[in-house]
Amino acid sequence: MQTIPFDLDGEYVELNQLLKLAGLVDSGGAGKALVAAGAVRVDGAVESRKTAKIRSGQVVQLDGIEIRVG
């Protein structure tokens, strides 16, 4: 599994924006579509909230890619 480290600027980042900022999708809208399709996991569980607040220490997974938020 490929791992992408992501340094958080503030308290949290919205899930759809994290996917965009990490370079996995071209837009926040594309990120929302993937979340709605059930393709995104947060800390091992499917996440259905498109704007879920992702905080430091959490792990987001999509298609064999893992984003470690720090």
PDB file of N, CA and C in Angstrom:
ATOM      1  N   MET A   1       0.849  -1.191   0.000  1.00  0.00           N
ATOM      2  CA  MET A   1       0.000   0.000   0.000  1.00  0.00           C
ATOM      3  C   MET A   1       0.888   1.246   0.000  1.00  0.00           C
ATOM      4  N   GLN A   2       0.595   2.169  -0.880  1.00  0.00           N
ATOM      5  CA  GLN A   2       1.333   3.429  -0.948  1.00  0.00           C
ATOM      6  C   GLN A   2       0.866   4.347   0.184  1.00  0.00           C
ATOM      7  N   THR A   3       1.819   4.995   0.851  1.00  0.00           N
ATOM      8  CA  THR A   3       1.481   5.903   1.948  1.00  0.00           C
ATOM      9  C   THR A   3       1.862   7.328   1.587  1.00  0.00           C
ATOM     10  N   ILE A   4       0.927   8.251   1.823  1.00  0.00           N
ATOM     11  CA  ILE A   4       1.164   9.674   1.588  1.00  0.00           C
ATOM     12  C   ILE A   4       1.066  10.394   2.935  1.00  0.00           C
ATOM     13  N   PRO A   5       2.150  11.004   3.386  1.00  0.00           N
ATOM     14  CA  PRO A   5       2.045  11.802   4.619  1.00  0.00           C
ATOM     15  C   PRO A   5       1.399  13.150   4.300  1.00  0.00           C
ATOM     16  N   PHE A   6       0.522  13.627   5.174  1.00  0.00           N
ATOM     17  CA  PHE A   6      -0.144  14.912   4.962  1.00  0.00           C
ATOM     18  C   PHE A   6      -0.048  15.727   6.239  1.00  0.00           C
ATOM     19  N   ASP A   7       0.609  16.876   6.158  1.00  0.00           N
ATOM     20  CA  ASP A   7       0.750  17.756   7.315  1.00  0.00           C
ATOM     21  C   ASP A   7      -0.429  18.705   7.386  1.00  0.00           C
ATOM     22  N   LEU A   8      -1.121  18.654   8.493  1.00  0.00           N
ATOM     23  CA  LEU A   8      -2.306  19.470   8.717  1.00  0.00           C
ATOM     24  C   LEU A   8      -1.901  20.889   9.096  1.00  0.00           C
ATOM     25  N   ASP A   9      -2.552  21.895   8.472  1.00  0.00           N
ATOM     26  CA  ASP A   9      -2.266  23.297   8.789  1.00  0.00           C
ATOM     27  C   ASP A   9      -3.046  23.769  10.008  1.00  0.00           C
ATOM     28  N   GLY A  10      -4.308  23.377  10.085  1.00  0.00           N
ATOM     29  CA  GLY A  10      -5.166  23.822  11.179  1.00  0.00           C
ATOM     30  C   GLY A  10      -5.590  22.654  12.058  1.00  0.00           C
ATOM     31  N   GLU A  11      -6.773  22.801  12.658  1.00  0.00           N
ATOM     32  CA  GLU A  11      -7.298  21.766  13.565  1.00  0.00           C
ATOM     33  C   GLU A  11      -7.769  20.530  12.792  1.00  0.00           C
ATOM     34  N   TYR A  12      -8.333  20.752  11.588  1.00  0.00           N
ATOM     35  CA  TYR A  12      -8.852  19.648  10.779  1.00  0.00           C
ATOM     36  C   TYR A  12      -8.907  20.056   9.313  1.00  0.00           C
ATOM     37  N   VAL A  13      -9.160  19.050   8.456  1.00  0.00           N
ATOM     38  CA  VAL A  13      -9.398  19.292   7.034  1.00  0.00           C
ATOM     39  C   VAL A  13     -10.609  18.446   6.655  1.00  0.00           C
ATOM     40  N   GLU A  14     -11.483  18.976   5.804  1.00  0.00           N
ATOM     41  CA  GLU A  14     -12.647  18.213   5.369  1.00  0.00           C
ATOM     42  C   GLU A  14     -12.189  17.088   4.451  1.00  0.00           C
ATOM     43  N   LEU A  15     -12.837  15.942   4.561  1.00  0.00           N
ATOM     44  CA  LEU A  15     -12.427  14.745   3.834  1.00  0.00           C
ATOM     45  C   LEU A  15     -12.315  14.976   2.335  1.00  0.00           C
ATOM     46  N   ASN A  16     -13.329  15.590   1.715  1.00  0.00           N
ATOM     47  CA  ASN A  16     -13.274  15.796   0.265  1.00  0.00           C
ATOM     48  C   ASN A  16     -12.109  16.708  -0.125  1.00  0.00           C
ATOM     49  N   GLN A  17     -11.784  17.676   0.710  1.00  0.00           N
ATOM     50  CA  GLN A  17     -10.650  18.570   0.434  1.00  0.00           C
ATOM     51  C   GLN A  17      -9.318  17.862   0.638  1.00  0.00           C
ATOM     52  N   LEU A  18      -9.258  16.969   1.617  1.00  0.00           N
ATOM     53  CA  LEU A  18      -8.029  16.192   1.846  1.00  0.00           C
ATOM     54  C   LEU A  18      -7.696  15.356   0.614  1.00  0.00           C
ATOM     55  N   LEU A  19      -8.695  14.724   0.041  1.00  0.00           N
ATOM     56  CA  LEU A  19      -8.462  13.917  -1.157  1.00  0.00           C
ATOM     57  C   LEU A  19      -7.914  14.773  -2.293  1.00  0.00           C
ATOM     58  N   LYS A  20      -8.415  15.998  -2.397  1.00  0.00           N
ATOM     59  CA  LYS A  20      -7.937  16.933  -3.428  1.00  0.00           C
ATOM     60  C   LYS A  20      -6.517  17.402  -3.116  1.00  0.00           C
ATOM     61  N   LEU A  21      -6.282  17.822  -1.874  1.00  0.00           N
ATOM     62  CA  LEU A  21      -4.968  18.343  -1.493  1.00  0.00           C
ATOM     63  C   LEU A  21      -3.870  17.278  -1.565  1.00  0.00           C
ATOM     64  N   ALA A  22      -4.240  16.028  -1.341  1.00  0.00           N
ATOM     65  CA  ALA A  22      -3.272  14.928  -1.409  1.00  0.00           C
ATOM     66  C   ALA A  22      -3.012  14.498  -2.853  1.00  0.00           C
ATOM     67  N   GLY A  23      -3.779  15.071  -3.797  1.00  0.00           N
ATOM     68  CA  GLY A  23      -3.567  14.779  -5.210  1.00  0.00           C
ATOM     69  C   GLY A  23      -4.247  13.520  -5.706  1.00  0.00           C
ATOM     70  N   LEU A  24      -5.215  12.989  -4.954  1.00  0.00           N
ATOM     71  CA  LEU A  24      -5.897  11.768  -5.378  1.00  0.00           C
ATOM     72  C   LEU A  24      -7.074  12.047  -6.301  1.00  0.00           C
ATOM     73  N   VAL A  25      -7.601  13.267  -6.250  1.00  0.00           N
ATOM     74  CA  VAL A  25      -8.688  13.670  -7.147  1.00  0.00           C
ATOM     75  C   VAL A  25      -8.399  15.077  -7.668  1.00  0.00           C
ATOM     76  N   ASP A  26      -9.049  15.440  -8.770  1.00  0.00           N
ATOM     77  CA  ASP A  26      -8.816  16.756  -9.376  1.00  0.00           C
ATOM     78  C   ASP A  26      -9.615  17.875  -8.725  1.00  0.00           C
ATOM     79  N   SER A  27     -10.711  17.510  -8.033  1.00  0.00           N
ATOM     80  CA  SER A  27     -11.562  18.542  -7.446  1.00  0.00           C
ATOM     81  C   SER A  27     -12.250  18.021  -6.189  1.00  0.00           C
ATOM     82  N   GLY A  28     -12.751  18.960  -5.389  1.00  0.00           N
ATOM     83  CA  GLY A  28     -13.506  18.585  -4.205  1.00  0.00           C
ATOM     84  C   GLY A  28     -14.760  17.810  -4.581  1.00  0.00           C
ATOM     85  N   GLY A  29     -15.348  18.158  -5.722  1.00  0.00           N
ATOM     86  CA  GLY A  29     -16.543  17.458  -6.198  1.00  0.00           C
ATOM     87  C   GLY A  29     -16.259  15.994  -6.514  1.00  0.00           C
ATOM     88  N   ALA A  30     -15.097  15.746  -7.104  1.00  0.00           N
ATOM     89  CA  ALA A  30     -14.711  14.356  -7.403  1.00  0.00           C
ATOM     90  C   ALA A  30     -14.491  13.592  -6.099  1.00  0.00           C
ATOM     91  N   GLY A  31     -13.943  14.275  -5.093  1.00  0.00           N
ATOM     92  CA  GLY A  31     -13.759  13.658  -3.780  1.00  0.00           C
ATOM     93  C   GLY A  31     -15.086  13.311  -3.148  1.00  0.00           C
ATOM     94  N   LYS A  32     -16.056  14.220  -3.269  1.00  0.00           N
ATOM     95  CA  LYS A  32     -17.395  13.974  -2.716  1.00  0.00           C
ATOM     96  C   LYS A  32     -18.031  12.758  -3.379  1.00  0.00           C
ATOM     97  N   ALA A  33     -17.835  12.608  -4.691  1.00  0.00           N
ATOM     98  CA  ALA A  33     -18.413  11.476  -5.419  1.00  0.00           C
ATOM     99  C   ALA A  33     -17.822  10.158  -4.926  1.00  0.00           C
ATOM    100  N   LEU A  34     -16.527  10.126  -4.677  1.00  0.00           N
ATOM    101  CA  LEU A  34     -15.890   8.902  -4.180  1.00  0.00           C
ATOM    102  C   LEU A  34     -16.391   8.548  -2.785  1.00  0.00           C
ATOM    103  N   VAL A  35     -16.553   9.557  -1.943  1.00  0.00           N
ATOM    104  CA  VAL A  35     -17.060   9.326  -0.590  1.00  0.00           C
ATOM    105  C   VAL A  35     -18.491   8.794  -0.669  1.00  0.00           C
ATOM    106  N   ALA A  36     -19.311   9.408  -1.516  1.00  0.00           N
ATOM    107  CA  ALA A  36     -20.706   8.988  -1.670  1.00  0.00           C
ATOM    108  C   ALA A  36     -20.805   7.549  -2.181  1.00  0.00           C
ATOM    109  N   ALA A  37     -19.824   7.125  -2.974  1.00  0.00           N
ATOM    110  CA  ALA A  37     -19.820   5.770  -3.528  1.00  0.00           C
ATOM    111  C   ALA A  37     -19.322   4.732  -2.522  1.00  0.00           C
ATOM    112  N   GLY A  38     -18.861   5.191  -1.355  1.00  0.00           N
ATOM    113  CA  GLY A  38     -18.382   4.264  -0.335  1.00  0.00           C
ATOM    114  C   GLY A  38     -16.963   3.779  -0.564  1.00  0.00           C
ATOM    115  N   ALA A  39     -16.193   4.528  -1.357  1.00  0.00           N
ATOM    116  CA  ALA A  39     -14.837   4.096  -1.715  1.00  0.00           C
ATOM    117  C   ALA A  39     -13.770   4.555  -0.728  1.00  0.00           C
ATOM    118  N   VAL A  40     -14.141   5.392   0.236  1.00  0.00           N
ATOM    119  CA  VAL A  40     -13.161   5.984   1.139  1.00  0.00           C
ATOM    120  C   VAL A  40     -13.344   5.450   2.559  1.00  0.00           C
ATOM    121  N   ARG A  41     -12.227   5.080   3.175  1.00  0.00           N
ATOM    122  CA  ARG A  41     -12.247   4.610   4.565  1.00  0.00           C
ATOM    123  C   ARG A  41     -11.456   5.565   5.437  1.00  0.00           C
ATOM    124  N   VAL A  42     -11.950   5.780   6.643  1.00  0.00           N
ATOM    125  CA  VAL A  42     -11.242   6.593   7.634  1.00  0.00           C
ATOM    126  C   VAL A  42     -11.035   5.711   8.860  1.00  0.00           C
ATOM    127  N   ASP A  43      -9.782   5.532   9.232  1.00  0.00           N
ATOM    128  CA  ASP A  43      -9.429   4.654  10.357  1.00  0.00           C
ATOM    129  C   ASP A  43     -10.061   3.273  10.204  1.00  0.00           C
ATOM    130  N   GLY A  44     -10.096   2.762   8.971  1.00  0.00           N
ATOM    131  CA  GLY A  44     -10.565   1.413   8.706  1.00  0.00           C
ATOM    132  C   GLY A  44     -12.055   1.252   8.455  1.00  0.00           C
ATOM    133  N   ALA A  45     -12.844   2.291   8.683  1.00  0.00           N
ATOM    134  CA  ALA A  45     -14.299   2.201   8.493  1.00  0.00           C
ATOM    135  C   ALA A  45     -14.732   3.066   7.308  1.00  0.00           C
ATOM    136  N   VAL A  46     -15.700   2.579   6.540  1.00  0.00           N
ATOM    137  CA  VAL A  46     -16.223   3.357   5.412  1.00  0.00           C
ATOM    138  C   VAL A  46     -16.806   4.661   5.954  1.00  0.00           C
ATOM    139  N   GLU A  47     -16.418   5.771   5.332  1.00  0.00           N
ATOM    140  CA  GLU A  47     -16.902   7.100   5.746  1.00  0.00           C
ATOM    141  C   GLU A  47     -17.855   7.626   4.680  1.00  0.00           C
ATOM    142  N   SER A  48     -19.074   7.972   5.088  1.00  0.00           N
ATOM    143  CA  SER A  48     -20.066   8.452   4.130  1.00  0.00           C
ATOM    144  C   SER A  48     -20.292   9.954   4.198  1.00  0.00           C
ATOM    145  N   ARG A  49     -19.692  10.617   5.188  1.00  0.00           N
ATOM    146  CA  ARG A  49     -19.851  12.076   5.298  1.00  0.00           C
ATOM    147  C   ARG A  49     -18.783  12.749   4.444  1.00  0.00           C
ATOM    148  N   LYS A  50     -19.216  13.424   3.413  1.00  0.00           N
ATOM    149  CA  LYS A  50     -18.286  14.034   2.458  1.00  0.00           C
ATOM    150  C   LYS A  50     -17.387  15.086   3.093  1.00  0.00           C
ATOM    151  N   THR A  51     -17.914  15.794   4.079  1.00  0.00           N
ATOM    152  CA  THR A  51     -17.134  16.860   4.714  1.00  0.00           C
ATOM    153  C   THR A  51     -16.737  16.474   6.143  1.00  0.00           C
ATOM    154  N   ALA A  52     -16.543  15.171   6.375  1.00  0.00           N
ATOM    155  CA  ALA A  52     -16.108  14.712   7.700  1.00  0.00           C
ATOM    156  C   ALA A  52     -14.815  15.432   8.073  1.00  0.00           C
ATOM    157  N   LYS A  53     -14.694  15.821   9.320  1.00  0.00           N
ATOM    158  CA  LYS A  53     -13.504  16.523   9.792  1.00  0.00           C
ATOM    159  C   LYS A  53     -12.408  15.507  10.099  1.00  0.00           C
ATOM    160  N   ILE A  54     -11.324  15.597   9.338  1.00  0.00           N
ATOM    161  CA  ILE A  54     -10.193  14.693   9.513  1.00  0.00           C
ATOM    162  C   ILE A  54      -9.126  15.425  10.310  1.00  0.00           C
ATOM    163  N   ARG A  55      -8.742  14.804  11.425  1.00  0.00           N
ATOM    164  CA  ARG A  55      -7.793  15.440  12.342  1.00  0.00           C
ATOM    165  C   ARG A  55      -6.469  14.684  12.379  1.00  0.00           C
ATOM    166  N   SER A  56      -5.484  15.297  12.984  1.00  0.00           N
ATOM    167  CA  SER A  56      -4.163  14.701  13.118  1.00  0.00           C
ATOM    168  C   SER A  56      -4.260  13.321  13.756  1.00  0.00           C
ATOM    169  N   GLY A  57      -3.516  12.363  13.204  1.00  0.00           N
ATOM    170  CA  GLY A  57      -3.501  11.008  13.728  1.00  0.00           C
ATOM    171  C   GLY A  57      -4.428  10.056  12.997  1.00  0.00           C
ATOM    172  N   GLN A  58      -5.313  10.595  12.174  1.00  0.00           N
ATOM    173  CA  GLN A  58      -6.241   9.734  11.443  1.00  0.00           C
ATOM    174  C   GLN A  58      -5.608   9.241  10.142  1.00  0.00           C
ATOM    175  N   VAL A  59      -6.135   8.102   9.649  1.00  0.00           N
ATOM    176  CA  VAL A  59      -5.636   7.490   8.420  1.00  0.00           C
ATOM    177  C   VAL A  59      -6.807   7.344   7.452  1.00  0.00           C
ATOM    178  N   VAL A  60      -6.614   7.851   6.231  1.00  0.00           N
ATOM    179  CA  VAL A  60      -7.640   7.781   5.186  1.00  0.00           C
ATOM    180  C   VAL A  60      -7.139   6.840   4.099  1.00  0.00           C
ATOM    181  N   GLN A  61      -7.996   5.933   3.640  1.00  0.00           N
ATOM    182  CA  GLN A  61      -7.608   4.970   2.617  1.00  0.00           C
ATOM    183  C   GLN A  61      -8.520   5.068   1.403  1.00  0.00           C
ATOM    184  N   LEU A  62      -7.892   4.954   0.223  1.00  0.00           N
ATOM    185  CA  LEU A  62      -8.630   4.974  -1.046  1.00  0.00           C
ATOM    186  C   LEU A  62      -7.823   4.201  -2.082  1.00  0.00           C
ATOM    187  N   ASP A  63      -8.409   3.169  -2.644  1.00  0.00           N
ATOM    188  CA  ASP A  63      -7.785   2.406  -3.734  1.00  0.00           C
ATOM    189  C   ASP A  63      -6.331   2.024  -3.458  1.00  0.00           C
ATOM    190  N   GLY A  64      -6.045   1.450  -2.306  1.00  0.00           N
ATOM    191  CA  GLY A  64      -4.685   0.995  -2.012  1.00  0.00           C
ATOM    192  C   GLY A  64      -3.725   2.110  -1.642  1.00  0.00           C
ATOM    193  N   ILE A  65      -4.239   3.314  -1.455  1.00  0.00           N
ATOM    194  CA  ILE A  65      -3.408   4.446  -1.042  1.00  0.00           C
ATOM    195  C   ILE A  65      -3.846   4.868   0.347  1.00  0.00           C
ATOM    196  N   GLU A  66      -2.875   5.121   1.186  1.00  0.00           N
ATOM    197  CA  GLU A  66      -3.157   5.508   2.573  1.00  0.00           C
ATOM    198  C   GLU A  66      -2.619   6.915   2.813  1.00  0.00           C
ATOM    199  N   ILE A  67      -3.463   7.787   3.332  1.00  0.00           N
ATOM    200  CA  ILE A  67      -3.035   9.147   3.687  1.00  0.00           C
ATOM    201  C   ILE A  67      -2.943   9.200   5.207  1.00  0.00           C
ATOM    202  N   ARG A  68      -1.741   9.457   5.716  1.00  0.00           N
ATOM    203  CA  ARG A  68      -1.544   9.572   7.165  1.00  0.00           C
ATOM    204  C   ARG A  68      -1.498  11.058   7.514  1.00  0.00           C
ATOM    205  N   VAL A  69      -2.497  11.497   8.249  1.00  0.00           N
ATOM    206  CA  VAL A  69      -2.623  12.919   8.603  1.00  0.00           C
ATOM    207  C   VAL A  69      -1.851  13.195   9.871  1.00  0.00           C
ATOM    208  N   GLY A  70      -0.984  14.202   9.813  1.00  0.00           N
ATOM    209  CA  GLY A  70      -0.163  14.541  10.969  1.00  0.00           C
ATOM    210  C   GLY A  70      -0.176  15.999  11.267  1.00  0.00           C
TER     211      GLY A  70
END
